[in-house]
Amino acid sequence: MKKAITLTDLLLARRKREEKYFKNYLKYAELIKRESEKVLGKVKVFIFGSILRKNEVPQDIDILIISSELKTDKQKSEIRARLIKKLGTSAPFEIHLITPKEYREWYKNFIKEKIEI
């Protein structure tokens, strides 16, 4: 009789697939920046969130892409889809695409710790 697959089995398999991203998040962030620049030109890219806090086990990798070329939600969705396609669908990145104004008015107020790529 075949053993039933449990939720724990599924979560462990997912974590194993994601492990390479967590171990090499800086390398993948550089890839994200290069790919973003192909579409948007000059961008600022930051890593922030739980991946930088040593006392937490991160569930995802937050990436902030800032560009004055971002105009519509549709454009943001297309760029995000392009990046996920390049990274792989199991990539645990939470990609935030914003304008400099959105950064100044919102993100700057709550991001305490970040690394620029």
PDB file of N, CA and C in Angstrom:
ATOM      1  N   MET A   1       0.839  -1.181   0.000  1.00  0.00           N
ATOM      2  CA  MET A   1       0.000   0.000   0.000  1.00  0.00           C
ATOM      3  C   MET A   1       0.883   1.243   0.000  1.00  0.00           C
ATOM      4  N   LYS A   2       0.516   2.176  -0.803  1.00  0.00           N
ATOM      5  CA  LYS A   2       1.274   3.401  -0.958  1.00  0.00           C
ATOM      6  C   LYS A   2       1.024   4.353   0.217  1.00  0.00           C
ATOM      7  N   LYS A   3       2.095   4.979   0.695  1.00  0.00           N
ATOM      8  CA  LYS A   3       1.974   5.929   1.797  1.00  0.00           C
ATOM      9  C   LYS A   3       1.300   7.211   1.297  1.00  0.00           C
ATOM     10  N   ALA A   4       0.363   7.719   2.058  1.00  0.00           N
ATOM     11  CA  ALA A   4      -0.328   8.959   1.703  1.00  0.00           C
ATOM     12  C   ALA A   4       0.628  10.141   1.864  1.00  0.00           C
ATOM     13  N   ILE A   5       0.531  11.076   0.961  1.00  0.00           N
ATOM     14  CA  ILE A   5       1.346  12.287   1.046  1.00  0.00           C
ATOM     15  C   ILE A   5       0.657  13.248   2.009  1.00  0.00           C
ATOM     16  N   THR A   6       1.419  13.731   2.976  1.00  0.00           N
ATOM     17  CA  THR A   6       0.864  14.632   3.986  1.00  0.00           C
ATOM     18  C   THR A   6       1.206  16.083   3.648  1.00  0.00           C
ATOM     19  N   LEU A   7       0.554  16.982   4.335  1.00  0.00           N
ATOM     20  CA  LEU A   7       0.858  18.403   4.182  1.00  0.00           C
ATOM     21  C   LEU A   7       2.313  18.670   4.549  1.00  0.00           C
ATOM     22  N   THR A   8       2.794  18.010   5.565  1.00  0.00           N
ATOM     23  CA  THR A   8       4.195  18.164   5.968  1.00  0.00           C
ATOM     24  C   THR A   8       5.129  17.745   4.840  1.00  0.00           C
ATOM     25  N   ASP A   9       4.808  16.638   4.167  1.00  0.00           N
ATOM     26  CA  ASP A   9       5.613  16.191   3.022  1.00  0.00           C
ATOM     27  C   ASP A   9       5.654  17.263   1.940  1.00  0.00           C
ATOM     28  N   LEU A  10       4.503  17.834   1.650  1.00  0.00           N
ATOM     29  CA  LEU A  10       4.418  18.869   0.610  1.00  0.00           C
ATOM     30  C   LEU A  10       5.205  20.120   0.993  1.00  0.00           C
ATOM     31  N   LEU A  11       5.084  20.532   2.245  1.00  0.00           N
ATOM     32  CA  LEU A  11       5.804  21.721   2.708  1.00  0.00           C
ATOM     33  C   LEU A  11       7.310  21.500   2.711  1.00  0.00           C
ATOM     34  N   LEU A  12       7.748  20.309   3.103  1.00  0.00           N
ATOM     35  CA  LEU A  12       9.183  20.004   3.081  1.00  0.00           C
ATOM     36  C   LEU A  12       9.721  19.979   1.653  1.00  0.00           C
ATOM     37  N   ALA A  13       8.955  19.428   0.728  1.00  0.00           N
ATOM     38  CA  ALA A  13       9.370  19.402  -0.683  1.00  0.00           C
ATOM     39  C   ALA A  13       9.453  20.818  -1.241  1.00  0.00           C
ATOM     40  N   ARG A  14       8.493  21.655  -0.878  1.00  0.00           N
ATOM     41  CA  ARG A  14       8.511  23.054  -1.332  1.00  0.00           C
ATOM     42  C   ARG A  14       9.745  23.771  -0.788  1.00  0.00           C
ATOM     43  N   ARG A  15      10.015  23.590   0.481  1.00  0.00           N
ATOM     44  CA  ARG A  15      11.165  24.253   1.101  1.00  0.00           C
ATOM     45  C   ARG A  15      12.470  23.796   0.438  1.00  0.00           C
ATOM     46  N   LYS A  16      12.563  22.537   0.085  1.00  0.00           N
ATOM     47  CA  LYS A  16      13.758  22.022  -0.588  1.00  0.00           C
ATOM     48  C   LYS A  16      13.936  22.684  -1.956  1.00  0.00           C
ATOM     49  N   ARG A  17      12.828  22.857  -2.702  1.00  0.00           N
ATOM     50  CA  ARG A  17      12.900  23.528  -4.008  1.00  0.00           C
ATOM     51  C   ARG A  17      13.336  24.988  -3.857  1.00  0.00           C
ATOM     52  N   GLU A  18      12.919  25.630  -2.767  1.00  0.00           N
ATOM     53  CA  GLU A  18      13.211  27.041  -2.547  1.00  0.00           C
ATOM     54  C   GLU A  18      14.597  27.281  -1.953  1.00  0.00           C
ATOM     55  N   GLU A  19      15.204  26.250  -1.403  1.00  0.00           N
ATOM     56  CA  GLU A  19      16.454  26.383  -0.658  1.00  0.00           C
ATOM     57  C   GLU A  19      17.543  27.119  -1.444  1.00  0.00           C
ATOM     58  N   LYS A  20      17.699  26.808  -2.731  1.00  0.00           N
ATOM     59  CA  LYS A  20      18.746  27.448  -3.535  1.00  0.00           C
ATOM     60  C   LYS A  20      18.548  28.957  -3.607  1.00  0.00           C
ATOM     61  N   TYR A  21      17.311  29.408  -3.602  1.00  0.00           N
ATOM     62  CA  TYR A  21      17.038  30.846  -3.661  1.00  0.00           C
ATOM     63  C   TYR A  21      17.422  31.531  -2.355  1.00  0.00           C
ATOM     64  N   PHE A  22      17.073  30.902  -1.236  1.00  0.00           N
ATOM     65  CA  PHE A  22      17.404  31.487   0.061  1.00  0.00           C
ATOM     66  C   PHE A  22      18.918  31.518   0.292  1.00  0.00           C
ATOM     67  N   LYS A  23      19.619  30.487  -0.147  1.00  0.00           N
ATOM     68  CA  LYS A  23      21.075  30.438   0.034  1.00  0.00           C
ATOM     69  C   LYS A  23      21.808  31.425  -0.870  1.00  0.00           C
ATOM     70  N   ASN A  24      21.234  31.718  -2.031  1.00  0.00           N
ATOM     71  CA  ASN A  24      21.904  32.565  -3.030  1.00  0.00           C
ATOM     72  C   ASN A  24      21.077  33.794  -3.395  1.00  0.00           C
ATOM     73  N   TYR A  25      20.381  34.363  -2.424  1.00  0.00           N
ATOM     74  CA  TYR A  25      19.452  35.447  -2.736  1.00  0.00           C
ATOM     75  C   TYR A  25      20.124  36.669  -3.353  1.00  0.00           C
ATOM     76  N   LEU A  26      21.385  36.940  -3.009  1.00  0.00           N
ATOM     77  CA  LEU A  26      22.073  38.094  -3.609  1.00  0.00           C
ATOM     78  C   LEU A  26      22.318  37.878  -5.103  1.00  0.00           C
ATOM     79  N   LYS A  27      22.702  36.671  -5.472  1.00  0.00           N
ATOM     80  CA  LYS A  27      22.915  36.335  -6.884  1.00  0.00           C
ATOM     81  C   LYS A  27      21.610  36.504  -7.668  1.00  0.00           C
ATOM     82  N   TYR A  28      20.514  36.010  -7.105  1.00  0.00           N
ATOM     83  CA  TYR A  28      19.224  36.127  -7.778  1.00  0.00           C
ATOM     84  C   TYR A  28      18.742  37.578  -7.813  1.00  0.00           C
ATOM     85  N   ALA A  29      19.051  38.348  -6.792  1.00  0.00           N
ATOM     86  CA  ALA A  29      18.686  39.772  -6.800  1.00  0.00           C
ATOM     87  C   ALA A  29      19.425  40.506  -7.919  1.00  0.00           C
ATOM     88  N   GLU A  30      20.669  40.142  -8.168  1.00  0.00           N
ATOM     89  CA  GLU A  30      21.420  40.749  -9.278  1.00  0.00           C
ATOM     90  C   GLU A  30      20.791  40.380 -10.617  1.00  0.00           C
ATOM     91  N   LEU A  31      20.335  39.146 -10.750  1.00  0.00           N
ATOM     92  CA  LEU A  31      19.629  38.722 -11.959  1.00  0.00           C
ATOM     93  C   LEU A  31      18.345  39.541 -12.137  1.00  0.00           C
ATOM     94  N   ILE A  32      17.616  39.731 -11.066  1.00  0.00           N
ATOM     95  CA  ILE A  32      16.394  40.529 -11.106  1.00  0.00           C
ATOM     96  C   ILE A  32      16.708  41.953 -11.553  1.00  0.00           C
ATOM     97  N   LYS A  33      17.785  42.519 -11.041  1.00  0.00           N
ATOM     98  CA  LYS A  33      18.149  43.877 -11.436  1.00  0.00           C
ATOM     99  C   LYS A  33      18.484  43.931 -12.932  1.00  0.00           C
ATOM    100  N   ARG A  34      19.300  42.995 -13.411  1.00  0.00           N
ATOM    101  CA  ARG A  34      19.658  42.980 -14.840  1.00  0.00           C
ATOM    102  C   ARG A  34      18.428  42.861 -15.725  1.00  0.00           C
ATOM    103  N   GLU A  35      17.531  41.956 -15.369  1.00  0.00           N
ATOM    104  CA  GLU A  35      16.318  41.758 -16.164  1.00  0.00           C
ATOM    105  C   GLU A  35      15.415  42.994 -16.114  1.00  0.00           C
ATOM    106  N   SER A  36      15.335  43.622 -14.964  1.00  0.00           N
ATOM    107  CA  SER A  36      14.521  44.837 -14.823  1.00  0.00           C
ATOM    108  C   SER A  36      15.081  45.968 -15.670  1.00  0.00           C
ATOM    109  N   GLU A  37      16.404  46.086 -15.693  1.00  0.00           N
ATOM    110  CA  GLU A  37      17.043  47.144 -16.482  1.00  0.00           C
ATOM    111  C   GLU A  37      16.818  46.955 -17.978  1.00  0.00           C
ATOM    112  N   LYS A  38      16.668  45.730 -18.433  1.00  0.00           N
ATOM    113  CA  LYS A  38      16.387  45.477 -19.852  1.00  0.00           C
ATOM    114  C   LYS A  38      15.069  46.113 -20.270  1.00  0.00           C
ATOM    115  N   VAL A  39      14.116  46.148 -19.350  1.00  0.00           N
ATOM    116  CA  VAL A  39      12.789  46.672 -19.657  1.00  0.00           C
ATOM    117  C   VAL A  39      12.650  48.143 -19.264  1.00  0.00           C
ATOM    118  N   LEU A  40      13.226  48.513 -18.121  1.00  0.00           N
ATOM    119  CA  LEU A  40      12.974  49.832 -17.540  1.00  0.00           C
ATOM    120  C   LEU A  40      14.135  50.817 -17.636  1.00  0.00           C
ATOM    121  N   GLY A  41      15.293  50.353 -18.056  1.00  0.00           N
ATOM    122  CA  GLY A  41      16.465  51.229 -18.006  1.00  0.00           C
ATOM    123  C   GLY A  41      16.998  51.265 -16.588  1.00  0.00           C
ATOM    124  N   LYS A  42      17.421  52.422 -16.144  1.00  0.00           N
ATOM    125  CA  LYS A  42      18.000  52.563 -14.808  1.00  0.00           C
ATOM    126  C   LYS A  42      16.950  52.290 -13.730  1.00  0.00           C
ATOM    127  N   VAL A  43      17.300  51.403 -12.812  1.00  0.00           N
ATOM    128  CA  VAL A  43      16.422  51.069 -11.679  1.00  0.00           C
ATOM    129  C   VAL A  43      17.249  51.043 -10.397  1.00  0.00           C
ATOM    130  N   LYS A  44      16.554  51.160  -9.296  1.00  0.00           N
ATOM    131  CA  LYS A  44      17.149  50.893  -7.983  1.00  0.00           C
ATOM    132  C   LYS A  44      16.494  49.622  -7.486  1.00  0.00           C
ATOM    133  N   VAL A  45      17.311  48.707  -6.977  1.00  0.00           N
ATOM    134  CA  VAL A  45      16.796  47.437  -6.477  1.00  0.00           C
ATOM    135  C   VAL A  45      17.314  47.232  -5.059  1.00  0.00           C
ATOM    136  N   PHE A  46      16.391  46.884  -4.166  1.00  0.00           N
ATOM    137  CA  PHE A  46      16.722  46.642  -2.769  1.00  0.00           C
ATOM    138  C   PHE A  46      16.156  45.288  -2.337  1.00  0.00           C
ATOM    139  N   ILE A  47      16.873  44.638  -1.437  1.00  0.00           N
ATOM    140  CA  ILE A  47      16.366  43.481  -0.717  1.00  0.00           C
ATOM    141  C   ILE A  47      15.975  44.002   0.658  1.00  0.00           C
ATOM    142  N   PHE A  48      14.815  43.559   1.155  1.00  0.00           N
ATOM    143  CA  PHE A  48      14.397  43.968   2.494  1.00  0.00           C
ATOM    144  C   PHE A  48      13.562  42.848   3.105  1.00  0.00           C
ATOM    145  N   GLY A  49      13.159  43.039   4.324  1.00  0.00           N
ATOM    146  CA  GLY A  49      12.269  42.082   4.966  1.00  0.00           C
ATOM    147  C   GLY A  49      12.983  41.011   5.761  1.00  0.00           C
ATOM    148  N   SER A  50      12.279  39.913   5.979  1.00  0.00           N
ATOM    149  CA  SER A  50      12.724  38.868   6.900  1.00  0.00           C
ATOM    150  C   SER A  50      14.024  38.180   6.474  1.00  0.00           C
ATOM    151  N   ILE A  51      14.352  38.193   5.203  1.00  0.00           N
ATOM    152  CA  ILE A  51      15.606  37.569   4.747  1.00  0.00           C
ATOM    153  C   ILE A  51      16.816  38.243   5.402  1.00  0.00           C
ATOM    154  N   LEU A  52      16.671  39.501   5.799  1.00  0.00           N
ATOM    155  CA  LEU A  52      17.781  40.245   6.405  1.00  0.00           C
ATOM    156  C   LEU A  52      17.797  40.146   7.933  1.00  0.00           C
ATOM    157  N   ARG A  53      16.721  39.670   8.520  1.00  0.00           N
ATOM    158  CA  ARG A  53      16.653  39.576   9.977  1.00  0.00           C
ATOM    159  C   ARG A  53      17.128  38.202  10.420  1.00  0.00           C
ATOM    160  N   LYS A  54      18.213  38.179  11.133  1.00  0.00           N
ATOM    161  CA  LYS A  54      18.867  36.918  11.529  1.00  0.00           C
ATOM    162  C   LYS A  54      18.054  36.110  12.530  1.00  0.00           C
ATOM    163  N   ASN A  55      17.154  36.744  13.242  1.00  0.00           N
ATOM    164  CA  ASN A  55      16.380  36.034  14.259  1.00  0.00           C
ATOM    165  C   ASN A  55      15.060  35.479  13.715  1.00  0.00           C
ATOM    166  N   GLU A  56      14.880  35.496  12.380  1.00  0.00           N
ATOM    167  CA  GLU A  56      13.654  34.987  11.769  1.00  0.00           C
ATOM    168  C   GLU A  56      13.983  33.969  10.685  1.00  0.00           C
ATOM    169  N   VAL A  57      13.064  33.054  10.482  1.00  0.00           N
ATOM    170  CA  VAL A  57      13.161  32.132   9.352  1.00  0.00           C
ATOM    171  C   VAL A  57      12.326  32.755   8.241  1.00  0.00           C
ATOM    172  N   PRO A  58      12.960  33.198   7.154  1.00  0.00           N
ATOM    173  CA  PRO A  58      12.201  33.889   6.102  1.00  0.00           C
ATOM    174  C   PRO A  58      11.268  32.949   5.351  1.00  0.00           C
ATOM    175  N   GLN A  59      10.105  33.461   5.020  1.00  0.00           N
ATOM    176  CA  GLN A  59       9.141  32.707   4.222  1.00  0.00           C
ATOM    177  C   GLN A  59       9.232  33.100   2.746  1.00  0.00           C
ATOM    178  N   ASP A  60       9.779  34.291   2.507  1.00  0.00           N
ATOM    179  CA  ASP A  60       9.956  34.766   1.141  1.00  0.00           C
ATOM    180  C   ASP A  60      11.135  35.733   1.110  1.00  0.00           C
ATOM    181  N   ILE A  61      11.436  36.232  -0.077  1.00  0.00           N
ATOM    182  CA  ILE A  61      12.527  37.195  -0.253  1.00  0.00           C
ATOM    183  C   ILE A  61      11.912  38.431  -0.890  1.00  0.00           C
ATOM    184  N   ASP A  62      11.865  39.512  -0.124  1.00  0.00           N
ATOM    185  CA  ASP A  62      11.268  40.752  -0.607  1.00  0.00           C
ATOM    186  C   ASP A  62      12.266  41.533  -1.450  1.00  0.00           C
ATOM    187  N   ILE A  63      11.842  41.876  -2.664  1.00  0.00           N
ATOM    188  CA  ILE A  63      12.651  42.659  -3.591  1.00  0.00           C
ATOM    189  C   ILE A  63      11.856  43.900  -3.964  1.00  0.00           C
ATOM    190  N   LEU A  64      12.497  45.043  -3.836  1.00  0.00           N
ATOM    191  CA  LEU A  64      11.885  46.325  -4.174  1.00  0.00           C
ATOM    192  C   LEU A  64      12.577  46.869  -5.417  1.00  0.00           C
ATOM    193  N   ILE A  65      11.812  47.103  -6.473  1.00  0.00           N
ATOM    194  CA  ILE A  65      12.344  47.662  -7.713  1.00  0.00           C
ATOM    195  C   ILE A  65      11.722  49.036  -7.881  1.00  0.00           C
ATOM    196  N   ILE A  66      12.579  50.060  -7.955  1.00  0.00           N
ATOM    197  CA  ILE A  66      12.105  51.438  -8.066  1.00  0.00           C
ATOM    198  C   ILE A  66      12.501  51.985  -9.432  1.00  0.00           C
ATOM    199  N   SER A  67      11.500  52.499 -10.157  1.00  0.00           N
ATOM    200  CA  SER A  67      11.756  53.070 -11.478  1.00  0.00           C
ATOM    201  C   SER A  67      10.726  54.147 -11.786  1.00  0.00           C
ATOM    202  N   SER A  68      11.197  55.238 -12.358  1.00  0.00           N
ATOM    203  CA  SER A  68      10.283  56.299 -12.787  1.00  0.00           C
ATOM    204  C   SER A  68       9.572  55.912 -14.082  1.00  0.00           C
ATOM    205  N   GLU A  69       9.977  54.798 -14.699  1.00  0.00           N
ATOM    206  CA  GLU A  69       9.360  54.325 -15.945  1.00  0.00           C
ATOM    207  C   GLU A  69       8.112  53.484 -15.710  1.00  0.00           C
ATOM    208  N   LEU A  70       7.822  53.160 -14.475  1.00  0.00           N
ATOM    209  CA  LEU A  70       6.629  52.365 -14.169  1.00  0.00           C
ATOM    210  C   LEU A  70       5.405  53.260 -14.261  1.00  0.00           C
ATOM    211  N   LYS A  71       4.496  52.910 -15.158  1.00  0.00           N
ATOM    212  CA  LYS A  71       3.337  53.778 -15.413  1.00  0.00           C
ATOM    213  C   LYS A  71       2.005  53.145 -15.044  1.00  0.00           C
ATOM    214  N   THR A  72       1.841  51.840 -15.296  1.00  0.00           N
ATOM    215  CA  THR A  72       0.531  51.210 -15.098  1.00  0.00           C
ATOM    216  C   THR A  72       0.661  49.903 -14.315  1.00  0.00           C
ATOM    217  N   ASP A  73      -0.450  49.487 -13.738  1.00  0.00           N
ATOM    218  CA  ASP A  73      -0.475  48.195 -13.044  1.00  0.00           C
ATOM    219  C   ASP A  73      -0.254  47.058 -14.029  1.00  0.00           C
ATOM    220  N   LYS A  74      -0.766  47.197 -15.240  1.00  0.00           N
ATOM    221  CA  LYS A  74      -0.573  46.172 -16.271  1.00  0.00           C
ATOM    222  C   LYS A  74       0.916  46.003 -16.570  1.00  0.00           C
ATOM    223  N   GLN A  75       1.618  47.111 -16.702  1.00  0.00           N
ATOM    224  CA  GLN A  75       3.064  47.059 -16.960  1.00  0.00           C
ATOM    225  C   GLN A  75       3.780  46.367 -15.798  1.00  0.00           C
ATOM    226  N   LYS A  76       3.402  46.694 -14.585  1.00  0.00           N
ATOM    227  CA  LYS A  76       4.003  46.067 -13.410  1.00  0.00           C
ATOM    228  C   LYS A  76       3.766  44.561 -13.419  1.00  0.00           C
ATOM    229  N   SER A  77       2.556  44.149 -13.748  1.00  0.00           N
ATOM    230  CA  SER A  77       2.224  42.721 -13.802  1.00  0.00           C
ATOM    231  C   SER A  77       3.035  42.006 -14.867  1.00  0.00           C
ATOM    232  N   GLU A  78       3.203  42.640 -16.017  1.00  0.00           N
ATOM    233  CA  GLU A  78       3.977  42.036 -17.106  1.00  0.00           C
ATOM    234  C   GLU A  78       5.443  41.874 -16.716  1.00  0.00           C
ATOM    235  N   ILE A  79       5.994  42.870 -16.050  1.00  0.00           N
ATOM    236  CA  ILE A  79       7.399  42.798 -15.621  1.00  0.00           C
ATOM    237  C   ILE A  79       7.555  41.726 -14.547  1.00  0.00           C
ATOM    238  N   ARG A  80       6.629  41.688 -13.606  1.00  0.00           N
ATOM    239  CA  ARG A  80       6.670  40.675 -12.541  1.00  0.00           C
ATOM    240  C   ARG A  80       6.597  39.270 -13.153  1.00  0.00           C
ATOM    241  N   ALA A  81       5.712  39.073 -14.130  1.00  0.00           N
ATOM    242  CA  ALA A  81       5.581  37.768 -14.795  1.00  0.00           C
ATOM    243  C   ALA A  81       6.872  37.409 -15.530  1.00  0.00           C
ATOM    244  N   ARG A  82       7.489  38.378 -16.176  1.00  0.00           N
ATOM    245  CA  ARG A  82       8.760  38.142 -16.878  1.00  0.00           C
ATOM    246  C   ARG A  82       9.841  37.687 -15.896  1.00  0.00           C
ATOM    247  N   LEU A  83       9.890  38.340 -14.741  1.00  0.00           N
ATOM    248  CA  LEU A  83      10.896  37.997 -13.734  1.00  0.00           C
ATOM    249  C   LEU A  83      10.652  36.604 -13.164  1.00  0.00           C
ATOM    250  N   ILE A  84       9.411  36.273 -12.856  1.00  0.00           N
ATOM    251  CA  ILE A  84       9.087  34.950 -12.318  1.00  0.00           C
ATOM    252  C   ILE A  84       9.423  33.868 -13.341  1.00  0.00           C
ATOM    253  N   LYS A  85       9.144  34.147 -14.602  1.00  0.00           N
ATOM    254  CA  LYS A  85       9.477  33.185 -15.659  1.00  0.00           C
ATOM    255  C   LYS A  85      10.983  32.941 -15.703  1.00  0.00           C
ATOM    256  N   LYS A  86      11.754  34.011 -15.562  1.00  0.00           N
ATOM    257  CA  LYS A  86      13.214  33.907 -15.596  1.00  0.00           C
ATOM    258  C   LYS A  86      13.749  33.172 -14.356  1.00  0.00           C
ATOM    259  N   LEU A  87      13.159  33.439 -13.195  1.00  0.00           N
ATOM    260  CA  LEU A  87      13.621  32.850 -11.937  1.00  0.00           C
ATOM    261  C   LEU A  87      13.142  31.414 -11.739  1.00  0.00           C
ATOM    262  N   GLY A  88      11.963  31.122 -12.223  1.00  0.00           N
ATOM    263  CA  GLY A  88      11.331  29.824 -11.986  1.00  0.00           C
ATOM    264  C   GLY A  88      10.110  30.012 -11.107  1.00  0.00           C
ATOM    265  N   THR A  89       9.106  29.221 -11.358  1.00  0.00           N
ATOM    266  CA  THR A  89       7.837  29.413 -10.652  1.00  0.00           C
ATOM    267  C   THR A  89       7.909  29.066  -9.163  1.00  0.00           C
ATOM    268  N   SER A  90       8.923  28.321  -8.754  1.00  0.00           N
ATOM    269  CA  SER A  90       9.038  28.014  -7.326  1.00  0.00           C
ATOM    270  C   SER A  90       9.881  29.050  -6.571  1.00  0.00           C
ATOM    271  N   ALA A  91      10.311  30.093  -7.273  1.00  0.00           N
ATOM    272  CA  ALA A  91      11.130  31.131  -6.637  1.00  0.00           C
ATOM    273  C   ALA A  91      10.311  31.880  -5.588  1.00  0.00           C
ATOM    274  N   PRO A  92      10.819  31.971  -4.361  1.00  0.00           N
ATOM    275  CA  PRO A  92      10.057  32.567  -3.263  1.00  0.00           C
ATOM    276  C   PRO A  92      10.209  34.087  -3.149  1.00  0.00           C
ATOM    277  N   PHE A  93      10.214  34.774  -4.296  1.00  0.00           N
ATOM    278  CA  PHE A  93      10.397  36.222  -4.283  1.00  0.00           C
ATOM    279  C   PHE A  93       9.058  36.942  -4.240  1.00  0.00           C
ATOM    280  N   GLU A  94       8.994  37.965  -3.406  1.00  0.00           N
ATOM    281  CA  GLU A  94       7.867  38.886  -3.365  1.00  0.00           C
ATOM    282  C   GLU A  94       8.395  40.162  -4.018  1.00  0.00           C
ATOM    283  N   ILE A  95       7.984  40.397  -5.259  1.00  0.00           N
ATOM    284  CA  ILE A  95       8.540  41.495  -6.053  1.00  0.00           C
ATOM    285  C   ILE A  95       7.617  42.702  -5.985  1.00  0.00           C
ATOM    286  N   HIS A  96       8.157  43.814  -5.497  1.00  0.00           N
ATOM    287  CA  HIS A  96       7.431  45.071  -5.360  1.00  0.00           C
ATOM    288  C   HIS A  96       7.969  46.029  -6.419  1.00  0.00           C
ATOM    289  N   LEU A  97       7.143  46.413  -7.361  1.00  0.00           N
ATOM    290  CA  LEU A  97       7.527  47.363  -8.417  1.00  0.00           C
ATOM    291  C   LEU A  97       6.857  48.694  -8.116  1.00  0.00           C
ATOM    292  N   ILE A  98       7.681  49.723  -7.894  1.00  0.00           N
ATOM    293  CA  ILE A  98       7.116  51.010  -7.474  1.00  0.00           C
ATOM    294  C   ILE A  98       7.861  52.175  -8.140  1.00  0.00           C
ATOM    295  N   THR A  99       7.240  53.337  -8.051  1.00  0.00           N
ATOM    296  CA  THR A  99       7.848  54.577  -8.542  1.00  0.00           C
ATOM    297  C   THR A  99       8.621  55.242  -7.400  1.00  0.00           C
ATOM    298  N   PRO A 100       9.507  56.184  -7.728  1.00  0.00           N
ATOM    299  CA  PRO A 100      10.203  56.917  -6.661  1.00  0.00           C
ATOM    300  C   PRO A 100       9.226  57.616  -5.703  1.00  0.00           C
ATOM    301  N   LYS A 101       8.123  58.125  -6.238  1.00  0.00           N
ATOM    302  CA  LYS A 101       7.124  58.787  -5.395  1.00  0.00           C
ATOM    303  C   LYS A 101       6.501  57.794  -4.410  1.00  0.00           C
ATOM    304  N   GLU A 102       6.169  56.595  -4.880  1.00  0.00           N
ATOM    305  CA  GLU A 102       5.606  55.569  -3.994  1.00  0.00           C
ATOM    306  C   GLU A 102       6.612  55.190  -2.904  1.00  0.00           C
ATOM    307  N   TYR A 103       7.887  55.161  -3.267  1.00  0.00           N
ATOM    308  CA  TYR A 103       8.910  54.861  -2.266  1.00  0.00           C
ATOM    309  C   TYR A 103       8.925  55.943  -1.190  1.00  0.00           C
ATOM    310  N   ARG A 104       8.994  57.196  -1.624  1.00  0.00           N
ATOM    311  CA  ARG A 104       9.061  58.311  -0.664  1.00  0.00           C
ATOM    312  C   ARG A 104       7.820  58.376   0.235  1.00  0.00           C
ATOM    313  N   GLU A 105       6.652  58.141  -0.354  1.00  0.00           N
ATOM    314  CA  GLU A 105       5.408  58.332   0.384  1.00  0.00           C
ATOM    315  C   GLU A 105       4.966  57.117   1.202  1.00  0.00           C
ATOM    316  N   TRP A 106       5.491  55.924   0.904  1.00  0.00           N
ATOM    317  CA  TRP A 106       5.018  54.745   1.622  1.00  0.00           C
ATOM    318  C   TRP A 106       6.152  53.865   2.135  1.00  0.00           C
ATOM    319  N   TYR A 107       6.875  53.243   1.219  1.00  0.00           N
ATOM    320  CA  TYR A 107       7.858  52.222   1.599  1.00  0.00           C
ATOM    321  C   TYR A 107       8.961  52.756   2.514  1.00  0.00           C
ATOM    322  N   LYS A 108       9.419  53.949   2.256  1.00  0.00           N
ATOM    323  CA  LYS A 108      10.496  54.547   3.058  1.00  0.00           C
ATOM    324  C   LYS A 108      10.118  54.615   4.539  1.00  0.00           C
ATOM    325  N   ASN A 109       8.834  54.732   4.803  1.00  0.00           N
ATOM    326  CA  ASN A 109       8.357  54.867   6.186  1.00  0.00           C
ATOM    327  C   ASN A 109       8.407  53.569   6.981  1.00  0.00           C
ATOM    328  N   PHE A 110       8.370  52.416   6.314  1.00  0.00           N
ATOM    329  CA  PHE A 110       8.339  51.183   7.095  1.00  0.00           C
ATOM    330  C   PHE A 110       9.505  50.233   6.844  1.00  0.00           C
ATOM    331  N   ILE A 111      10.307  50.469   5.829  1.00  0.00           N
ATOM    332  CA  ILE A 111      11.475  49.606   5.609  1.00  0.00           C
ATOM    333  C   ILE A 111      12.607  50.116   6.492  1.00  0.00           C
ATOM    334  N   LYS A 112      12.955  49.316   7.467  1.00  0.00           N
ATOM    335  CA  LYS A 112      14.006  49.715   8.423  1.00  0.00           C
ATOM    336  C   LYS A 112      15.385  49.287   7.949  1.00  0.00           C
ATOM    337  N   GLU A 113      15.441  48.149   7.316  1.00  0.00           N
ATOM    338  CA  GLU A 113      16.707  47.540   6.932  1.00  0.00           C
ATOM    339  C   GLU A 113      16.612  47.114   5.475  1.00  0.00           C
ATOM    340  N   LYS A 114      17.631  47.495   4.671  1.00  0.00           N
ATOM    341  CA  LYS A 114      17.620  47.093   3.267  1.00  0.00           C
ATOM    342  C   LYS A 114      19.048  47.026   2.740  1.00  0.00           C
ATOM    343  N   ILE A 115      19.202  46.270   1.662  1.00  0.00           N
ATOM    344  CA  ILE A 115      20.486  46.174   0.969  1.00  0.00           C
ATOM    345  C   ILE A 115      20.241  46.576  -0.475  1.00  0.00           C
ATOM    346  N   GLU A 116      21.030  47.525  -0.966  1.00  0.00           N
ATOM    347  CA  GLU A 116      20.898  47.915  -2.371  1.00  0.00           C
ATOM    348  C   GLU A 116      21.738  46.997  -3.236  1.00  0.00           C
ATOM    349  N   ILE A 117      21.159  46.592  -4.342  1.00  0.00           N
ATOM    350  CA  ILE A 117      21.855  45.728  -5.298  1.00  0.00           C
ATOM    351  C   ILE A 117      22.435  46.586  -6.417  1.00  0.00           C
TER     352      ILE A 117
END
